[in-house]
PDB file of all heavy atoms in Angstrom:
ATOM      1  N   THR A   1     169.892-162.320 -15.142  1.00  0.00           N
ATOM      2  CA  THR A   1     169.270-161.298 -14.331  1.00  0.00           C
ATOM      3  C   THR A   1     168.851-160.078 -15.166  1.00  0.00           C
ATOM      4  O   THR A   1     167.801-159.478 -14.921  1.00  0.00           O
ATOM      5  CB  THR A   1     170.207-160.820 -13.186  1.00  0.00           C
ATOM      6  OG1 THR A   1     171.452-160.364 -13.757  1.00  0.00           O
ATOM      7  CG2 THR A   1     170.464-161.977 -12.272  1.00  0.00           C
ATOM      8  N   LEU A   2     169.623-159.786 -16.198  1.00  0.00           N
ATOM      9  CA  LEU A   2     169.252-158.690 -17.091  1.00  0.00           C
ATOM     10  C   LEU A   2     167.917-159.002 -17.861  1.00  0.00           C
ATOM     11  O   LEU A   2     167.048-158.156 -17.971  1.00  0.00           O
ATOM     12  CB  LEU A   2     170.330-158.413 -18.135  1.00  0.00           C
ATOM     13  CG  LEU A   2     170.046-157.355 -19.174  1.00  0.00           C
ATOM     14  CD1 LEU A   2     169.683-156.023 -18.495  1.00  0.00           C
ATOM     15  CD2 LEU A   2     171.234-157.169 -20.103  1.00  0.00           C
ATOM     16  N   ALA A   3     167.738-160.255 -18.269  1.00  0.00           N
ATOM     17  CA  ALA A   3     166.511-160.712 -18.874  1.00  0.00           C
ATOM     18  C   ALA A   3     165.361-160.522 -17.908  1.00  0.00           C
ATOM     19  O   ALA A   3     164.281-160.068 -18.305  1.00  0.00           O
ATOM     20  CB  ALA A   3     166.603-162.141 -19.335  1.00  0.00           C
ATOM     21  N   TYR A   4     165.544-160.898 -16.646  1.00  0.00           N
ATOM     22  CA  TYR A   4     164.491-160.636 -15.659  1.00  0.00           C
ATOM     23  C   TYR A   4     164.141-159.176 -15.525  1.00  0.00           C
ATOM     24  O   TYR A   4     162.993-158.771 -15.530  1.00  0.00           O
ATOM     25  CB  TYR A   4     164.891-161.247 -14.312  1.00  0.00           C
ATOM     26  CG  TYR A   4     164.075-160.612 -13.182  1.00  0.00           C
ATOM     27  CD1 TYR A   4     162.743-160.986 -12.984  1.00  0.00           C
ATOM     28  CD2 TYR A   4     164.609-159.583 -12.384  1.00  0.00           C
ATOM     29  CE1 TYR A   4     161.960-160.346 -12.011  1.00  0.00           C
ATOM     30  CE2 TYR A   4     163.870-159.003 -11.410  1.00  0.00           C
ATOM     31  CZ  TYR A   4     162.553-159.385 -11.236  1.00  0.00           C
ATOM     32  OH  TYR A   4     161.761-158.737 -10.312  1.00  0.00           O
ATOM     33  N   HIS A   5     165.180-158.328 -15.311  1.00  0.00           N
ATOM     34  CA  HIS A   5     164.963-156.897 -15.172  1.00  0.00           C
ATOM     35  C   HIS A   5     164.262-156.295 -16.389  1.00  0.00           C
ATOM     36  O   HIS A   5     163.348-155.442 -16.277  1.00  0.00           O
ATOM     37  CB  HIS A   5     166.308-156.144 -14.911  1.00  0.00           C
ATOM     38  CG  HIS A   5     166.891-156.463 -13.586  1.00  0.00           C
ATOM     39  ND1 HIS A   5     166.258-156.178 -12.393  1.00  0.00           N
ATOM     40  CD2 HIS A   5     168.164-156.910 -13.258  1.00  0.00           C
ATOM     41  CE1 HIS A   5     167.056-156.526 -11.401  1.00  0.00           C
ATOM     42  NE2 HIS A   5     168.218-156.989 -11.864  1.00  0.00           N
ATOM     43  N   PHE A   6     164.605-156.799 -17.581  1.00  0.00           N
ATOM     44  CA  PHE A   6     163.980-156.268 -18.758  1.00  0.00           C
ATOM     45  C   PHE A   6     162.480-156.673 -18.794  1.00  0.00           C
ATOM     46  O   PHE A   6     161.639-155.824 -19.051  1.00  0.00           O
ATOM     47  CB  PHE A   6     164.661-156.851 -20.043  1.00  0.00           C
ATOM     48  CG  PHE A   6     163.999-156.458 -21.306  1.00  0.00           C
ATOM     49  CD1 PHE A   6     164.333-155.236 -21.864  1.00  0.00           C
ATOM     50  CD2 PHE A   6     163.108-157.293 -21.928  1.00  0.00           C
ATOM     51  CE1 PHE A   6     163.727-154.812 -23.081  1.00  0.00           C
ATOM     52  CE2 PHE A   6     162.505-156.884 -23.136  1.00  0.00           C
ATOM     53  CZ  PHE A   6     162.803-155.656 -23.716  1.00  0.00           C
ATOM     54  N   ALA A   7     162.211-157.892 -18.392  1.00  0.00           N
ATOM     55  CA  ALA A   7     160.790-158.338 -18.407  1.00  0.00           C
ATOM     56  C   ALA A   7     160.004-157.611 -17.333  1.00  0.00           C
ATOM     57  O   ALA A   7     158.839-157.272 -17.524  1.00  0.00           O
ATOM     58  CB  ALA A   7     160.752-159.848 -18.146  1.00  0.00           C
ATOM     59  N   ALA A   8     160.665-157.290 -16.216  1.00  0.00           N
ATOM     60  CA  ALA A   8     159.991-156.534 -15.161  1.00  0.00           C
ATOM     61  C   ALA A   8     159.589-155.146 -15.610  1.00  0.00           C
ATOM     62  O   ALA A   8     158.545-154.607 -15.121  1.00  0.00           O
ATOM     63  CB  ALA A   8     160.849-156.455 -13.900  1.00  0.00           C
ATOM     64  N   ARG A   9     160.395-154.573 -16.479  1.00  0.00           N
ATOM     65  CA  ARG A   9     160.108-153.209 -16.936  1.00  0.00           C
ATOM     66  C   ARG A   9     159.301-153.181 -18.225  1.00  0.00           C
ATOM     67  O   ARG A   9     158.632-152.200 -18.534  1.00  0.00           O
ATOM     68  CB  ARG A   9     161.452-152.460 -17.154  1.00  0.00           C
ATOM     69  CG  ARG A   9     162.154-152.093 -15.821  1.00  0.00           C
ATOM     70  CD  ARG A   9     163.555-151.761 -16.092  1.00  0.00           C
ATOM     71  NE  ARG A   9     164.277-151.262 -14.912  1.00  0.00           N
ATOM     72  CZ  ARG A   9     164.690-151.983 -13.880  1.00  0.00           C
ATOM     73  NH1 ARG A   9     164.424-153.259 -13.870  1.00  0.00           N
ATOM     74  NH2 ARG A   9     165.339-151.448 -12.877  1.00  0.00           N
ATOM     75  N   HIS A  10     159.435-154.244 -18.977  1.00  0.00           N
ATOM     76  CA  HIS A  10     158.751-154.298 -20.322  1.00  0.00           C
ATOM     77  C   HIS A  10     157.996-155.629 -20.511  1.00  0.00           C
ATOM     78  O   HIS A  10     158.260-156.385 -21.406  1.00  0.00           O
ATOM     79  CB  HIS A  10     159.782-154.125 -21.463  1.00  0.00           C
ATOM     80  CG  HIS A  10     160.537-152.811 -21.368  1.00  0.00           C
ATOM     81  ND1 HIS A  10     160.018-151.591 -21.689  1.00  0.00           N
ATOM     82  CD2 HIS A  10     161.827-152.581 -20.980  1.00  0.00           C
ATOM     83  CE1 HIS A  10     160.907-150.650 -21.495  1.00  0.00           C
ATOM     84  NE2 HIS A  10     162.024-151.177 -21.108  1.00  0.00           N
ATOM     85  N   ARG A  11     157.061-155.840 -19.595  1.00  0.00           N
ATOM     86  CA  ARG A  11     156.329-157.135 -19.575  1.00  0.00           C
ATOM     87  C   ARG A  11     155.707-157.462 -20.965  1.00  0.00           C
ATOM     88  O   ARG A  11     155.692-158.620 -21.363  1.00  0.00           O
ATOM     89  CB  ARG A  11     155.255-157.063 -18.465  1.00  0.00           C
ATOM     90  CG  ARG A  11     154.227-158.189 -18.544  1.00  0.00           C
ATOM     91  CD  ARG A  11     154.870-159.530 -18.288  1.00  0.00           C
ATOM     92  NE  ARG A  11     153.908-160.587 -18.489  1.00  0.00           N
ATOM     93  CZ  ARG A  11     153.539-161.158 -19.650  1.00  0.00           C
ATOM     94  NH1 ARG A  11     154.113-160.733 -20.786  1.00  0.00           N
ATOM     95  NH2 ARG A  11     152.626-162.111 -19.725  1.00  0.00           N
ATOM     96  N   GLU A  12     155.218-156.415 -21.587  1.00  0.00           N
ATOM     97  CA  GLU A  12     154.526-156.689 -22.884  1.00  0.00           C
ATOM     98  C   GLU A  12     155.409-157.126 -24.005  1.00  0.00           C
ATOM     99  O   GLU A  12     154.985-157.543 -25.069  1.00  0.00           O
ATOM    100  CB  GLU A  12     153.815-155.389 -23.282  1.00  0.00           C
ATOM    101  CG  GLU A  12     154.697-154.281 -23.856  1.00  0.00           C
ATOM    102  CD  GLU A  12     155.543-153.518 -22.805  1.00  0.00           C
ATOM    103  OE1 GLU A  12     155.316-153.834 -21.603  1.00  0.00           O
ATOM    104  OE2 GLU A  12     156.363-152.683 -23.173  1.00  0.00           O
ATOM    105  N   ARG A  13     156.742-157.100 -23.809  1.00  0.00           N
ATOM    106  CA  ARG A  13     157.696-157.455 -24.815  1.00  0.00           C
ATOM    107  C   ARG A  13     158.330-158.820 -24.666  1.00  0.00           C
ATOM    108  O   ARG A  13     159.202-159.165 -25.422  1.00  0.00           O
ATOM    109  CB  ARG A  13     158.767-156.390 -24.948  1.00  0.00           C
ATOM    110  CG  ARG A  13     158.214-154.981 -25.236  1.00  0.00           C
ATOM    111  CD  ARG A  13     159.207-154.047 -25.757  1.00  0.00           C
ATOM    112  NE  ARG A  13     159.799-154.449 -27.024  1.00  0.00           N
ATOM    113  CZ  ARG A  13     160.574-153.686 -27.763  1.00  0.00           C
ATOM    114  NH1 ARG A  13     160.929-152.519 -27.361  1.00  0.00           N
ATOM    115  NH2 ARG A  13     161.036-154.132 -28.937  1.00  0.00           N
ATOM    116  N   VAL A  14     157.865-159.595 -23.681  1.00  0.00           N
ATOM    117  CA  VAL A  14     158.495-160.894 -23.380  1.00  0.00           C
ATOM    118  C   VAL A  14     157.407-161.955 -23.328  1.00  0.00           C
ATOM    119  O   VAL A  14     156.463-161.823 -22.531  1.00  0.00           O
ATOM    120  CB  VAL A  14     159.267-160.821 -22.098  1.00  0.00           C
ATOM    121  CG1 VAL A  14     159.828-162.203 -21.730  1.00  0.00           C
ATOM    122  CG2 VAL A  14     160.396-159.822 -22.169  1.00  0.00           C
ATOM    123  N   GLY A  15     157.571-163.041 -24.118  1.00  0.00           N
ATOM    124  CA  GLY A  15     156.656-164.138 -24.004  1.00  0.00           C
ATOM    125  C   GLY A  15     157.054-165.103 -22.950  1.00  0.00           C
ATOM    126  O   GLY A  15     156.164-165.614 -22.181  1.00  0.00           O
ATOM    127  N   GLY A  16     158.270-165.361 -22.722  1.00  0.00           N
ATOM    128  CA  GLY A  16     158.765-166.259 -21.694  1.00  0.00           C
ATOM    129  C   GLY A  16     160.196-165.972 -21.347  1.00  0.00           C
ATOM    130  O   GLY A  16     160.897-165.249 -22.113  1.00  0.00           O
ATOM    131  N   LEU A  17     160.623-166.490 -20.213  1.00  0.00           N
ATOM    132  CA  LEU A  17     161.980-166.175 -19.740  1.00  0.00           C
ATOM    133  C   LEU A  17     162.825-167.433 -19.523  1.00  0.00           C
ATOM    134  O   LEU A  17     162.330-168.370 -18.901  1.00  0.00           O
ATOM    135  CB  LEU A  17     161.953-165.407 -18.381  1.00  0.00           C
ATOM    136  CG  LEU A  17     161.676-163.921 -18.388  1.00  0.00           C
ATOM    137  CD1 LEU A  17     161.534-163.431 -16.934  1.00  0.00           C
ATOM    138  CD2 LEU A  17     162.765-163.164 -19.100  1.00  0.00           C
ATOM    139  N   GLY A  18     164.050-167.405 -20.030  1.00  0.00           N
ATOM    140  CA  GLY A  18     164.966-168.532 -19.716  1.00  0.00           C
ATOM    141  C   GLY A  18     166.111-168.004 -18.865  1.00  0.00           C
ATOM    142  O   GLY A  18     166.900-167.147 -19.338  1.00  0.00           O
ATOM    143  N   LEU A  19     166.146-168.359 -17.585  1.00  0.00           N
ATOM    144  CA  LEU A  19     167.104-167.842 -16.686  1.00  0.00           C
ATOM    145  C   LEU A  19     168.185-168.919 -16.426  1.00  0.00           C
ATOM    146  O   LEU A  19     167.943-169.906 -15.721  1.00  0.00           O
ATOM    147  CB  LEU A  19     166.461-167.445 -15.346  1.00  0.00           C
ATOM    148  CG  LEU A  19     165.294-166.479 -15.483  1.00  0.00           C
ATOM    149  CD1 LEU A  19     164.734-166.097 -14.109  1.00  0.00           C
ATOM    150  CD2 LEU A  19     165.702-165.223 -16.262  1.00  0.00           C
ATOM    151  N   LEU A  20     169.349-168.797 -17.064  1.00  0.00           N
ATOM    152  CA  LEU A  20     170.353-169.830 -17.049  1.00  0.00           C
ATOM    153  C   LEU A  20     171.494-169.402 -16.157  1.00  0.00           C
ATOM    154  O   LEU A  20     172.238-168.454 -16.485  1.00  0.00           O
ATOM    155  CB  LEU A  20     170.814-170.071 -18.495  1.00  0.00           C
ATOM    156  CG  LEU A  20     169.738-170.280 -19.537  1.00  0.00           C
ATOM    157  CD1 LEU A  20     170.310-170.360 -20.940  1.00  0.00           C
ATOM    158  CD2 LEU A  20     168.912-171.561 -19.205  1.00  0.00           C
ATOM    159  N   SER A  21     171.629-170.012 -15.002  1.00  0.00           N
ATOM    160  CA  SER A  21     172.660-169.608 -14.024  1.00  0.00           C
ATOM    161  C   SER A  21     172.599-168.085 -13.810  1.00  0.00           C
ATOM    162  O   SER A  21     173.600-167.368 -13.950  1.00  0.00           O
ATOM    163  CB  SER A  21     174.048-170.019 -14.449  1.00  0.00           C
ATOM    164  OG  SER A  21     174.129-171.384 -14.805  1.00  0.00           O
ATOM    165  N   PRO A  22     171.429-167.536 -13.457  1.00  0.00           N
ATOM    166  CA  PRO A  22     171.285-166.100 -13.425  1.00  0.00           C
ATOM    167  C   PRO A  22     171.935-165.413 -12.268  1.00  0.00           C
ATOM    168  O   PRO A  22     171.310-165.126 -11.220  1.00  0.00           O
ATOM    169  CB  PRO A  22     169.738-165.891 -13.386  1.00  0.00           C
ATOM    170  CG  PRO A  22     169.297-167.108 -12.671  1.00  0.00           C
ATOM    171  CD  PRO A  22     170.212-168.207 -13.036  1.00  0.00           C
ATOM    172  N   ALA A  23     173.197-165.085 -12.396  1.00  0.00           N
ATOM    173  CA  ALA A  23     173.955-164.494 -11.266  1.00  0.00           C
ATOM    174  C   ALA A  23     173.697-163.023 -11.172  1.00  0.00           C
ATOM    175  O   ALA A  23     173.623-162.269 -12.152  1.00  0.00           O
ATOM    176  CB  ALA A  23     175.437-164.727 -11.495  1.00  0.00           C
ATOM    177  N   GLY A  24     173.514-162.547  -9.916  1.00  0.00           N
ATOM    178  CA  GLY A  24     173.505-161.080  -9.718  1.00  0.00           C
ATOM    179  C   GLY A  24     172.198-160.515  -9.238  1.00  0.00           C
ATOM    180  O   GLY A  24     171.924-159.333  -9.538  1.00  0.00           O
ATOM    181  N   LEU A  25     171.347-161.244  -8.604  1.00  0.00           N
ATOM    182  CA  LEU A  25     170.108-160.704  -8.012  1.00  0.00           C
ATOM    183  C   LEU A  25     170.251-160.624  -6.511  1.00  0.00           C
ATOM    184  O   LEU A  25     169.800-159.661  -5.838  1.00  0.00           O
ATOM    185  CB  LEU A  25     168.890-161.507  -8.423  1.00  0.00           C
ATOM    186  CG  LEU A  25     167.524-160.770  -8.467  1.00  0.00           C
ATOM    187  CD1 LEU A  25     167.566-159.573  -9.387  1.00  0.00           C
ATOM    188  CD2 LEU A  25     166.415-161.708  -8.826  1.00  0.00           C
ATOM    189  N   THR A  26     170.832-161.674  -5.966  1.00  0.00           N
ATOM    190  CA  THR A  26     171.020-161.698  -4.461  1.00  0.00           C
ATOM    191  C   THR A  26     172.505-161.721  -4.093  1.00  0.00           C
ATOM    192  O   THR A  26     172.828-162.033  -2.999  1.00  0.00           O
ATOM    193  CB  THR A  26     170.365-163.019  -3.918  1.00  0.00           C
ATOM    194  OG1 THR A  26     170.904-164.142  -4.503  1.00  0.00           O
ATOM    195  CG2 THR A  26     168.893-162.944  -4.172  1.00  0.00           C
ATOM    196  N   GLY A  27     173.369-161.319  -4.985  1.00  0.00           N
ATOM    197  CA  GLY A  27     174.774-161.309  -4.739  1.00  0.00           C
ATOM    198  C   GLY A  27     175.583-162.382  -5.469  1.00  0.00           C
ATOM    199  O   GLY A  27     175.024-163.353  -5.887  1.00  0.00           O
ATOM    200  N   VAL A  28     176.832-162.102  -5.614  1.00  0.00           N
ATOM    201  CA  VAL A  28     177.781-163.086  -6.224  1.00  0.00           C
ATOM    202  C   VAL A  28     178.933-163.287  -5.250  1.00  0.00           C
ATOM    203  O   VAL A  28     179.568-162.383  -4.765  1.00  0.00           O
ATOM    204  CB  VAL A  28     178.354-162.541  -7.595  1.00  0.00           C
ATOM    205  CG1 VAL A  28     179.431-163.453  -8.106  1.00  0.00           C
ATOM    206  CG2 VAL A  28     177.229-162.363  -8.588  1.00  0.00           C
ATOM    207  N   PRO A  29     179.223-164.551  -4.896  1.00  0.00           N
ATOM    208  CA  PRO A  29     180.290-164.824  -3.962  1.00  0.00           C
ATOM    209  C   PRO A  29     181.656-164.190  -4.458  1.00  0.00           C
ATOM    210  O   PRO A  29     181.946-164.241  -5.669  1.00  0.00           O
ATOM    211  CB  PRO A  29     180.381-166.351  -3.977  1.00  0.00           C
ATOM    212  CG  PRO A  29     178.996-166.773  -4.315  1.00  0.00           C
ATOM    213  CD  PRO A  29     178.524-165.769  -5.309  1.00  0.00           C
ATOM    214  N   LEU A  30     182.365-163.579  -3.562  1.00  0.00           N
ATOM    215  CA  LEU A  30     183.654-162.983  -3.823  1.00  0.00           C
ATOM    216  C   LEU A  30     183.574-161.700  -4.687  1.00  0.00           C
ATOM    217  O   LEU A  30     184.623-161.188  -5.131  1.00  0.00           O
ATOM    218  CB  LEU A  30     184.626-163.961  -4.479  1.00  0.00           C
ATOM    219  CG  LEU A  30     184.927-165.263  -3.704  1.00  0.00           C
ATOM    220  CD1 LEU A  30     185.882-166.154  -4.490  1.00  0.00           C
ATOM    221  CD2 LEU A  30     185.513-164.951  -2.324  1.00  0.00           C
TER     222      LEU A  30
END
């Protein structure tokens, strides 16, 4: 999720995104 947030703020600095079990955008159980 941090990689996503980084790309959202600094689009020009990311060629592609690898989101591997990206916990923490819509909540984490418990």
